[in-house]
Amino acid sequence: MRPSTLREVSEKMSGQADPVKVFSEFLDYFYDCATEEEMSACLAEEPVLLSESHWNAILAASADYLAKRYRMRAFPLWVLGPERFLPEPWFRETSDEMRAYLTFQSPAEFRMRGLYVEAVPLRRARTWQAEERLQQRLKAGEERAKQTAAHPRAVS
């Protein structure tokens, strides 16, 4: 069964599960969420700290990035904990050319934690579905704002 929260991801990782597989399964679950509330619930609970510090930073950067990307009203404050930042830069790629490229391409949520990744991290086959729902949610919000502006309530 796919993990439905980052807390579950960290628990499985601490149990020696393949971290990339577990994290990928979580992203698939997250991108299948139908509402902002469901997405927020996936990120709300703080993950357990892992022995590999780069994973602590990756989980925080991912929650930060996803919360901002999908414009969630509930922001997971645990992502700001000092144990979620690396003292030294971490690159998945080893070549000097790729390191230079990633230094400038990494999103701020990752870069500020010392993580250097591709410009659009966390991509999965299901990402487009979540992007489509975000656009629908934003469009519905714009329509509500237009209706409110067109029909303001009488103020006494």
N, C-alpha and C. Protein backbone atom coordinates (compact mmCIF):
# COMPACT_ATOMS: atom_id res chain seq x y z
N MET A 1 0.84 -1.18 0.00
CA MET A 1 0.00 0.00 0.00
C MET A 1 0.89 1.25 0.00
N ARG A 2 0.52 2.22 -0.82
CA ARG A 2 1.31 3.45 -0.93
C ARG A 2 1.19 4.28 0.34
N PRO A 3 2.29 4.90 0.77
CA PRO A 3 2.20 5.79 1.92
C PRO A 3 1.39 7.03 1.56
N SER A 4 0.55 7.47 2.49
CA SER A 4 -0.33 8.61 2.22
C SER A 4 0.16 9.90 2.89
N THR A 5 1.19 9.81 3.71
CA THR A 5 1.75 11.00 4.37
C THR A 5 3.27 10.93 4.34
N LEU A 6 3.90 12.08 4.49
CA LEU A 6 5.36 12.08 4.58
C LEU A 6 5.83 11.40 5.86
N ARG A 7 5.00 11.44 6.89
CA ARG A 7 5.34 10.71 8.12
C ARG A 7 5.46 9.21 7.83
N GLU A 8 4.49 8.68 7.09
CA GLU A 8 4.54 7.26 6.72
C GLU A 8 5.77 6.96 5.86
N VAL A 9 6.11 7.88 4.98
CA VAL A 9 7.30 7.71 4.14
C VAL A 9 8.52 7.56 5.04
N SER A 10 8.68 8.47 6.00
CA SER A 10 9.86 8.43 6.87
C SER A 10 9.87 7.16 7.73
N GLU A 11 8.71 6.72 8.19
CA GLU A 11 8.65 5.50 8.99
C GLU A 11 9.08 4.28 8.16
N LYS A 12 8.63 4.24 6.91
CA LYS A 12 9.04 3.12 6.04
C LYS A 12 10.53 3.20 5.72
N MET A 13 11.04 4.42 5.51
CA MET A 13 12.46 4.59 5.24
C MET A 13 13.30 4.14 6.43
N SER A 14 12.83 4.48 7.63
CA SER A 14 13.58 4.09 8.83
C SER A 14 13.54 2.58 9.04
N GLY A 15 12.56 1.93 8.43
CA GLY A 15 12.46 0.48 8.48
C GLY A 15 13.22 -0.20 7.36
N GLN A 16 14.12 0.53 6.73
CA GLN A 16 15.00 0.02 5.69
C GLN A 16 14.34 -0.20 4.32
N ALA A 17 13.17 0.38 4.10
CA ALA A 17 12.56 0.31 2.77
C ALA A 17 13.37 1.16 1.80
N ASP A 18 13.28 0.85 0.52
CA ASP A 18 13.98 1.62 -0.51
C ASP A 18 13.43 3.05 -0.51
N PRO A 19 14.24 4.04 -0.13
CA PRO A 19 13.72 5.41 0.01
C PRO A 19 13.16 6.00 -1.28
N VAL A 20 13.81 5.74 -2.39
CA VAL A 20 13.34 6.31 -3.67
C VAL A 20 12.00 5.70 -4.05
N LYS A 21 11.84 4.41 -3.86
CA LYS A 21 10.58 3.74 -4.18
C LYS A 21 9.45 4.25 -3.28
N VAL A 22 9.71 4.33 -1.99
CA VAL A 22 8.69 4.77 -1.03
C VAL A 22 8.28 6.21 -1.32
N PHE A 23 9.26 7.06 -1.57
CA PHE A 23 8.97 8.46 -1.84
C PHE A 23 8.19 8.61 -3.15
N SER A 24 8.55 7.85 -4.16
CA SER A 24 7.83 7.88 -5.44
C SER A 24 6.39 7.43 -5.27
N GLU A 25 6.17 6.41 -4.46
CA GLU A 25 4.81 5.93 -4.19
C GLU A 25 4.00 7.02 -3.48
N PHE A 26 4.63 7.73 -2.55
CA PHE A 26 3.95 8.83 -1.88
C PHE A 26 3.54 9.91 -2.89
N LEU A 27 4.45 10.28 -3.77
CA LEU A 27 4.13 11.31 -4.76
C LEU A 27 2.94 10.90 -5.63
N ASP A 28 2.90 9.63 -6.00
CA ASP A 28 1.75 9.14 -6.78
C ASP A 28 0.45 9.32 -5.98
N TYR A 29 0.50 8.98 -4.71
CA TYR A 29 -0.67 9.15 -3.86
C TYR A 29 -1.05 10.63 -3.77
N PHE A 30 -0.06 11.48 -3.51
CA PHE A 30 -0.30 12.92 -3.37
C PHE A 30 -0.95 13.49 -4.63
N TYR A 31 -0.41 13.15 -5.78
CA TYR A 31 -0.94 13.70 -7.04
C TYR A 31 -2.33 13.17 -7.37
N ASP A 32 -2.72 12.08 -6.76
CA ASP A 32 -4.08 11.54 -6.95
C ASP A 32 -5.10 12.21 -6.03
N CYS A 33 -4.66 12.98 -5.05
CA CYS A 33 -5.59 13.64 -4.12
C CYS A 33 -6.49 14.60 -4.89
N ALA A 34 -7.78 14.58 -4.55
CA ALA A 34 -8.76 15.37 -5.28
C ALA A 34 -8.92 16.79 -4.75
N THR A 35 -8.57 17.03 -3.49
CA THR A 35 -8.83 18.35 -2.90
C THR A 35 -7.58 18.90 -2.21
N GLU A 36 -7.60 20.19 -1.98
CA GLU A 36 -6.52 20.84 -1.24
C GLU A 36 -6.42 20.26 0.16
N GLU A 37 -7.54 19.96 0.79
CA GLU A 37 -7.55 19.41 2.14
C GLU A 37 -6.84 18.06 2.18
N GLU A 38 -7.12 17.22 1.18
CA GLU A 38 -6.46 15.91 1.12
C GLU A 38 -4.95 16.08 0.93
N MET A 39 -4.57 17.01 0.06
CA MET A 39 -3.15 17.25 -0.17
C MET A 39 -2.48 17.76 1.10
N SER A 40 -3.13 18.69 1.79
CA SER A 40 -2.57 19.24 3.03
C SER A 40 -2.37 18.16 4.07
N ALA A 41 -3.31 17.24 4.16
CA ALA A 41 -3.20 16.15 5.13
C ALA A 41 -1.97 15.27 4.86
N CYS A 42 -1.57 15.17 3.63
CA CYS A 42 -0.39 14.38 3.28
C CYS A 42 0.90 14.98 3.84
N LEU A 43 0.88 16.30 4.04
CA LEU A 43 2.10 17.02 4.43
C LEU A 43 2.09 17.47 5.89
N ALA A 44 0.96 17.37 6.54
CA ALA A 44 0.77 18.01 7.86
C ALA A 44 1.65 17.43 8.96
N GLU A 45 1.70 16.14 9.08
CA GLU A 45 2.39 15.53 10.22
C GLU A 45 3.90 15.43 9.97
N GLU A 46 4.67 15.86 10.95
CA GLU A 46 6.13 15.87 10.79
C GLU A 46 6.68 14.45 10.66
N PRO A 47 7.52 14.25 9.65
CA PRO A 47 8.18 12.94 9.50
C PRO A 47 9.17 12.69 10.64
N VAL A 48 9.42 11.43 10.92
CA VAL A 48 10.45 11.10 11.91
C VAL A 48 11.81 11.45 11.30
N LEU A 49 12.76 11.78 12.15
CA LEU A 49 14.10 12.09 11.67
C LEU A 49 14.81 10.81 11.28
N LEU A 50 15.50 10.86 10.16
CA LEU A 50 16.20 9.70 9.62
C LEU A 50 17.70 9.85 9.85
N SER A 51 18.41 8.75 9.77
CA SER A 51 19.86 8.80 9.98
C SER A 51 20.57 9.47 8.81
N GLU A 52 19.99 9.41 7.63
CA GLU A 52 20.57 10.08 6.46
C GLU A 52 20.01 11.50 6.40
N SER A 53 20.81 12.47 6.79
CA SER A 53 20.33 13.84 6.93
C SER A 53 19.81 14.43 5.63
N HIS A 54 20.34 13.99 4.49
CA HIS A 54 19.83 14.56 3.24
C HIS A 54 18.36 14.19 3.03
N TRP A 55 17.91 13.05 3.53
CA TRP A 55 16.49 12.69 3.40
C TRP A 55 15.61 13.57 4.30
N ASN A 56 16.12 13.96 5.47
CA ASN A 56 15.37 14.88 6.33
C ASN A 56 15.14 16.20 5.59
N ALA A 57 16.17 16.66 4.90
CA ALA A 57 16.05 17.91 4.13
C ALA A 57 15.16 17.72 2.90
N ILE A 58 15.28 16.58 2.24
CA ILE A 58 14.47 16.32 1.05
C ILE A 58 12.98 16.29 1.40
N LEU A 59 12.64 15.64 2.49
CA LEU A 59 11.22 15.58 2.88
C LEU A 59 10.68 16.97 3.20
N ALA A 60 11.48 17.78 3.90
CA ALA A 60 11.05 19.14 4.22
C ALA A 60 10.94 20.00 2.97
N ALA A 61 11.95 19.94 2.11
CA ALA A 61 11.92 20.73 0.88
C ALA A 61 10.74 20.33 0.01
N SER A 62 10.45 19.05 -0.04
CA SER A 62 9.33 18.56 -0.84
C SER A 62 8.00 19.06 -0.30
N ALA A 63 7.82 19.00 1.02
CA ALA A 63 6.58 19.50 1.62
C ALA A 63 6.44 21.00 1.38
N ASP A 64 7.52 21.73 1.55
CA ASP A 64 7.53 23.17 1.33
C ASP A 64 7.17 23.48 -0.13
N TYR A 65 7.83 22.81 -1.04
CA TYR A 65 7.61 23.01 -2.48
C TYR A 65 6.17 22.67 -2.87
N LEU A 66 5.68 21.52 -2.43
CA LEU A 66 4.32 21.09 -2.79
C LEU A 66 3.26 22.02 -2.20
N ALA A 67 3.45 22.44 -0.96
CA ALA A 67 2.49 23.35 -0.32
C ALA A 67 2.40 24.67 -1.08
N LYS A 68 3.54 25.17 -1.50
CA LYS A 68 3.55 26.43 -2.25
C LYS A 68 3.05 26.22 -3.68
N ARG A 69 3.51 25.15 -4.31
CA ARG A 69 3.13 24.89 -5.71
C ARG A 69 1.62 24.75 -5.86
N TYR A 70 1.00 24.06 -4.89
CA TYR A 70 -0.44 23.82 -4.97
C TYR A 70 -1.24 24.80 -4.12
N ARG A 71 -0.57 25.88 -3.72
CA ARG A 71 -1.19 27.03 -3.05
C ARG A 71 -2.10 26.62 -1.89
N MET A 72 -1.53 25.83 -1.02
CA MET A 72 -2.29 25.35 0.14
C MET A 72 -2.36 26.43 1.21
N ARG A 73 -3.50 26.54 1.82
CA ARG A 73 -3.68 27.50 2.91
C ARG A 73 -3.00 27.02 4.18
N ALA A 74 -2.96 25.72 4.39
CA ALA A 74 -2.30 25.15 5.57
C ALA A 74 -0.84 24.84 5.20
N PHE A 75 0.09 25.53 5.87
CA PHE A 75 1.51 25.34 5.59
C PHE A 75 2.13 24.51 6.71
N PRO A 76 2.86 23.46 6.38
CA PRO A 76 3.47 22.62 7.41
C PRO A 76 4.70 23.29 8.04
N LEU A 77 4.54 23.81 9.24
CA LEU A 77 5.61 24.56 9.90
C LEU A 77 6.82 23.70 10.27
N TRP A 78 6.64 22.40 10.36
CA TRP A 78 7.75 21.53 10.71
C TRP A 78 8.89 21.63 9.69
N VAL A 79 8.61 22.09 8.47
CA VAL A 79 9.65 22.18 7.44
C VAL A 79 10.72 23.20 7.79
N LEU A 80 10.46 24.05 8.77
CA LEU A 80 11.39 25.10 9.15
C LEU A 80 12.36 24.69 10.25
N GLY A 81 12.22 23.47 10.76
CA GLY A 81 13.11 23.00 11.83
C GLY A 81 14.55 22.93 11.37
N PRO A 82 15.49 23.27 12.25
CA PRO A 82 16.92 23.30 11.88
C PRO A 82 17.46 21.95 11.40
N GLU A 83 16.86 20.86 11.86
CA GLU A 83 17.32 19.54 11.44
C GLU A 83 16.90 19.22 10.00
N ARG A 84 16.14 20.11 9.39
CA ARG A 84 15.67 19.93 8.01
C ARG A 84 16.53 20.71 7.01
N PHE A 85 17.66 21.23 7.47
CA PHE A 85 18.60 21.97 6.63
C PHE A 85 19.96 21.29 6.71
N LEU A 86 20.67 21.23 5.60
CA LEU A 86 21.98 20.58 5.56
C LEU A 86 23.10 21.60 5.80
N PRO A 87 24.14 21.19 6.53
CA PRO A 87 25.27 22.10 6.74
C PRO A 87 26.15 22.24 5.49
N GLU A 88 26.11 21.23 4.64
CA GLU A 88 26.93 21.21 3.42
C GLU A 88 26.02 20.94 2.22
N PRO A 89 26.37 21.45 1.05
CA PRO A 89 25.54 21.19 -0.14
C PRO A 89 25.48 19.70 -0.47
N TRP A 90 24.33 19.28 -0.99
CA TRP A 90 24.12 17.89 -1.41
C TRP A 90 23.66 17.89 -2.86
N PHE A 91 24.40 17.16 -3.69
CA PHE A 91 24.06 17.00 -5.11
C PHE A 91 23.87 15.52 -5.39
N ARG A 92 22.86 15.21 -6.14
CA ARG A 92 22.69 13.82 -6.56
C ARG A 92 23.66 13.50 -7.68
N GLU A 93 23.95 14.50 -8.50
CA GLU A 93 24.88 14.34 -9.63
C GLU A 93 26.30 14.64 -9.16
N THR A 94 27.28 13.99 -9.77
CA THR A 94 28.66 14.17 -9.32
C THR A 94 29.52 15.00 -10.26
N SER A 95 29.14 15.15 -11.52
CA SER A 95 30.00 15.89 -12.44
C SER A 95 29.97 17.39 -12.12
N ASP A 96 31.09 18.04 -12.32
CA ASP A 96 31.19 19.49 -12.05
C ASP A 96 30.21 20.27 -12.91
N GLU A 97 30.03 19.84 -14.16
CA GLU A 97 29.11 20.54 -15.06
C GLU A 97 27.67 20.47 -14.53
N MET A 98 27.25 19.29 -14.11
CA MET A 98 25.89 19.14 -13.58
C MET A 98 25.73 19.89 -12.27
N ARG A 99 26.73 19.89 -11.45
CA ARG A 99 26.65 20.64 -10.18
C ARG A 99 26.47 22.12 -10.45
N ALA A 100 27.21 22.65 -11.41
CA ALA A 100 27.06 24.06 -11.76
C ALA A 100 25.66 24.34 -12.28
N TYR A 101 25.17 23.47 -13.12
CA TYR A 101 23.82 23.63 -13.68
C TYR A 101 22.76 23.59 -12.57
N LEU A 102 22.85 22.59 -11.70
CA LEU A 102 21.85 22.43 -10.64
C LEU A 102 21.90 23.56 -9.62
N THR A 103 23.06 24.15 -9.43
CA THR A 103 23.19 25.27 -8.50
C THR A 103 22.24 26.40 -8.89
N PHE A 104 22.06 26.60 -10.19
CA PHE A 104 21.19 27.68 -10.66
C PHE A 104 19.77 27.23 -10.97
N GLN A 105 19.55 25.95 -11.16
CA GLN A 105 18.24 25.45 -11.54
C GLN A 105 17.36 25.01 -10.38
N SER A 106 17.95 24.71 -9.25
CA SER A 106 17.20 24.18 -8.11
C SER A 106 16.17 25.18 -7.59
N PRO A 107 14.94 24.72 -7.33
CA PRO A 107 13.94 25.61 -6.72
C PRO A 107 14.41 26.07 -5.34
N ALA A 108 13.96 27.24 -4.94
CA ALA A 108 14.38 27.86 -3.68
C ALA A 108 14.14 26.96 -2.48
N GLU A 109 13.03 26.24 -2.46
CA GLU A 109 12.69 25.38 -1.31
C GLU A 109 13.75 24.31 -1.10
N PHE A 110 14.40 23.88 -2.16
CA PHE A 110 15.46 22.89 -2.06
C PHE A 110 16.81 23.56 -1.82
N ARG A 111 17.09 24.58 -2.61
CA ARG A 111 18.38 25.27 -2.54
C ARG A 111 18.64 25.82 -1.13
N MET A 112 17.61 26.39 -0.49
CA MET A 112 17.81 26.97 0.85
C MET A 112 18.18 25.92 1.90
N ARG A 113 17.91 24.67 1.59
CA ARG A 113 18.25 23.58 2.51
C ARG A 113 19.55 22.88 2.12
N GLY A 114 20.22 23.40 1.10
CA GLY A 114 21.48 22.81 0.66
C GLY A 114 21.31 21.67 -0.31
N LEU A 115 20.13 21.53 -0.89
CA LEU A 115 19.83 20.46 -1.85
C LEU A 115 19.83 21.04 -3.26
N TYR A 116 20.51 20.37 -4.17
CA TYR A 116 20.57 20.86 -5.55
C TYR A 116 20.01 19.79 -6.47
N VAL A 117 18.86 20.10 -7.02
CA VAL A 117 18.08 19.16 -7.82
C VAL A 117 17.66 19.83 -9.13
N GLU A 118 16.95 19.11 -9.96
CA GLU A 118 16.49 19.67 -11.23
C GLU A 118 15.46 20.78 -11.02
N ALA A 119 15.24 21.56 -12.05
CA ALA A 119 14.37 22.74 -11.96
C ALA A 119 12.93 22.39 -11.62
N VAL A 120 12.44 21.27 -12.08
CA VAL A 120 11.07 20.84 -11.78
C VAL A 120 11.18 19.48 -11.08
N PRO A 121 11.42 19.53 -9.77
CA PRO A 121 11.57 18.26 -9.05
C PRO A 121 10.21 17.61 -8.80
N LEU A 122 10.23 16.40 -8.35
CA LEU A 122 9.03 15.68 -7.90
C LEU A 122 8.06 15.36 -9.04
N ARG A 123 8.54 15.34 -10.26
CA ARG A 123 7.69 14.99 -11.41
C ARG A 123 7.38 13.50 -11.41
N ARG A 124 6.14 13.21 -11.69
CA ARG A 124 5.69 11.83 -11.83
C ARG A 124 4.68 11.82 -12.98
N ALA A 125 4.29 10.65 -13.42
CA ALA A 125 3.32 10.54 -14.50
C ALA A 125 1.99 11.19 -14.13
N ARG A 126 1.66 11.21 -12.85
CA ARG A 126 0.37 11.75 -12.40
C ARG A 126 0.39 13.26 -12.13
N THR A 127 1.54 13.89 -12.27
CA THR A 127 1.65 15.31 -11.94
C THR A 127 0.64 16.15 -12.71
N TRP A 128 0.41 15.82 -13.97
CA TRP A 128 -0.50 16.63 -14.79
C TRP A 128 -1.90 16.67 -14.21
N GLN A 129 -2.34 15.59 -13.55
CA GLN A 129 -3.69 15.58 -12.95
C GLN A 129 -3.79 16.60 -11.82
N ALA A 130 -2.78 16.66 -10.99
CA ALA A 130 -2.78 17.62 -9.89
C ALA A 130 -2.70 19.05 -10.44
N GLU A 131 -1.93 19.24 -11.48
CA GLU A 131 -1.82 20.56 -12.10
C GLU A 131 -3.17 21.00 -12.67
N GLU A 132 -3.87 20.06 -13.27
CA GLU A 132 -5.20 20.36 -13.84
C GLU A 132 -6.19 20.74 -12.74
N ARG A 133 -6.17 20.02 -11.62
CA ARG A 133 -7.07 20.35 -10.50
C ARG A 133 -6.72 21.71 -9.91
N LEU A 134 -5.43 22.04 -9.84
CA LEU A 134 -5.02 23.35 -9.34
C LEU A 134 -5.60 24.45 -10.24
N GLN A 135 -5.49 24.28 -11.54
CA GLN A 135 -6.02 25.28 -12.46
C GLN A 135 -7.53 25.44 -12.30
N GLN A 136 -8.23 24.33 -12.11
CA GLN A 136 -9.68 24.39 -11.89
C GLN A 136 -10.01 25.13 -10.60
N ARG A 137 -9.24 24.86 -9.54
CA ARG A 137 -9.46 25.52 -8.26
C ARG A 137 -9.21 27.03 -8.37
N LEU A 138 -8.15 27.39 -9.07
CA LEU A 138 -7.84 28.81 -9.25
C LEU A 138 -8.90 29.51 -10.08
N LYS A 139 -9.37 28.83 -11.10
CA LYS A 139 -10.41 29.41 -11.96
C LYS A 139 -11.70 29.60 -11.17
N ALA A 140 -12.06 28.63 -10.34
CA ALA A 140 -13.26 28.74 -9.51
C ALA A 140 -13.12 29.91 -8.54
N GLY A 141 -11.94 30.11 -7.99
CA GLY A 141 -11.70 31.24 -7.09
C GLY A 141 -11.83 32.57 -7.80
N GLU A 142 -11.36 32.63 -9.03
CA GLU A 142 -11.50 33.86 -9.82
C GLU A 142 -12.96 34.15 -10.11
N GLU A 143 -13.72 33.11 -10.43
CA GLU A 143 -15.16 33.29 -10.71
C GLU A 143 -15.89 33.80 -9.47
N ARG A 144 -15.55 33.24 -8.30
CA ARG A 144 -16.18 33.71 -7.06
C ARG A 144 -15.84 35.17 -6.79
N ALA A 145 -14.58 35.54 -7.06
CA ALA A 145 -14.16 36.93 -6.84
C ALA A 145 -14.91 37.87 -7.78
N LYS A 146 -15.12 37.45 -9.03
CA LYS A 146 -15.86 38.28 -9.99
C LYS A 146 -17.31 38.44 -9.55
N GLN A 147 -17.91 37.35 -9.09
CA GLN A 147 -19.31 37.41 -8.65
C GLN A 147 -19.44 38.32 -7.42
N THR A 148 -18.50 38.23 -6.52
CA THR A 148 -18.54 39.06 -5.32
C THR A 148 -18.39 40.54 -5.69
N ALA A 149 -17.51 40.82 -6.64
CA ALA A 149 -17.30 42.20 -7.07
C ALA A 149 -18.51 42.75 -7.81
N ALA A 150 -19.17 41.89 -8.58
CA ALA A 150 -20.33 42.33 -9.35
C ALA A 150 -21.56 42.51 -8.48
N HIS A 151 -21.64 41.80 -7.38
CA HIS A 151 -22.83 41.84 -6.50
C HIS A 151 -22.41 42.04 -5.06
N PRO A 152 -21.84 43.21 -4.73
CA PRO A 152 -21.41 43.42 -3.34
C PRO A 152 -22.62 43.50 -2.42
N ARG A 153 -22.41 43.02 -1.23
CA ARG A 153 -23.49 43.05 -0.24
C ARG A 153 -23.66 44.48 0.28
N ALA A 154 -24.88 44.82 0.59
CA ALA A 154 -25.16 46.14 1.15
C ALA A 154 -24.56 46.22 2.54
N VAL A 155 -23.88 47.31 2.81
CA VAL A 155 -23.26 47.52 4.10
C VAL A 155 -24.07 48.56 4.86
N SER A 156 -24.45 48.23 6.08
CA SER A 156 -25.25 49.19 6.86
C SER A 156 -24.39 49.94 7.84
